[in-house]
């Protein structure tokens, strides 16, 4: 087994990172839904 510590890639300035940060802040600042939904996550 070979373990190598790789440097963290520079993702902070990419378009995908910025869009994800904007969506995340939108989810945090939006009001909760009036009716809560039941969610089931099923997998094998």
Protein backbone atom coordinates (compact mmCIF):
# COMPACT_ATOMS: atom_id res chain seq x y z
CA UNK A 1 0.00 0.00 0.00
CA UNK A 2 1.38 3.38 -1.00
CA UNK A 3 0.03 6.52 0.68
CA UNK A 4 0.83 9.86 -0.89
CA UNK A 5 -0.24 13.26 0.42
CA UNK A 6 -1.27 15.29 -2.61
CA UNK A 7 -1.73 19.07 -2.44
CA UNK A 8 -5.28 20.43 -2.47
CA UNK A 9 -6.26 21.64 -5.96
CA UNK A 10 -7.15 25.33 -6.36
CA UNK A 11 -10.93 25.12 -6.70
CA UNK A 12 -11.99 28.24 -4.81
CA UNK A 13 -11.98 30.50 -7.87
CA UNK A 14 -13.63 28.16 -10.37
CA UNK A 15 -17.08 28.84 -11.78
CA UNK A 16 -18.49 25.59 -10.37
CA UNK A 17 -17.24 26.42 -6.86
CA UNK A 18 -18.69 29.94 -6.96
CA UNK A 19 -22.06 28.70 -8.27
CA UNK A 20 -22.22 26.02 -5.58
CA UNK A 21 -21.43 28.59 -2.87
CA UNK A 22 -24.21 30.86 -4.16
CA UNK A 23 -26.73 27.99 -4.19
CA UNK A 24 -25.67 26.92 -0.72
CA UNK A 25 -26.22 30.42 0.67
CA UNK A 26 -29.60 30.56 -1.10
CA UNK A 27 -30.69 27.32 0.59
CA UNK A 28 -29.57 28.58 3.99
CA UNK A 29 -31.36 31.93 3.67
CA UNK A 30 -34.64 30.69 2.15
CA UNK A 31 -37.63 30.03 4.42
CA UNK A 32 -38.59 26.41 5.13
CA UNK A 33 -41.41 24.91 3.03
CA UNK A 34 -44.96 25.15 4.38
CA UNK A 35 -45.52 21.40 4.07
CA UNK A 36 -42.67 19.09 4.98
CA UNK A 37 -42.05 16.17 2.67
CA UNK A 38 -41.09 12.64 3.61
CA UNK A 39 -37.95 11.47 1.85
CA UNK A 40 -36.87 7.86 1.51
CA UNK A 41 -33.37 6.96 0.39
CA UNK A 42 -33.18 3.31 -0.61
CA UNK A 43 -30.12 1.53 -1.87
CA UNK A 44 -28.48 -1.84 -2.05
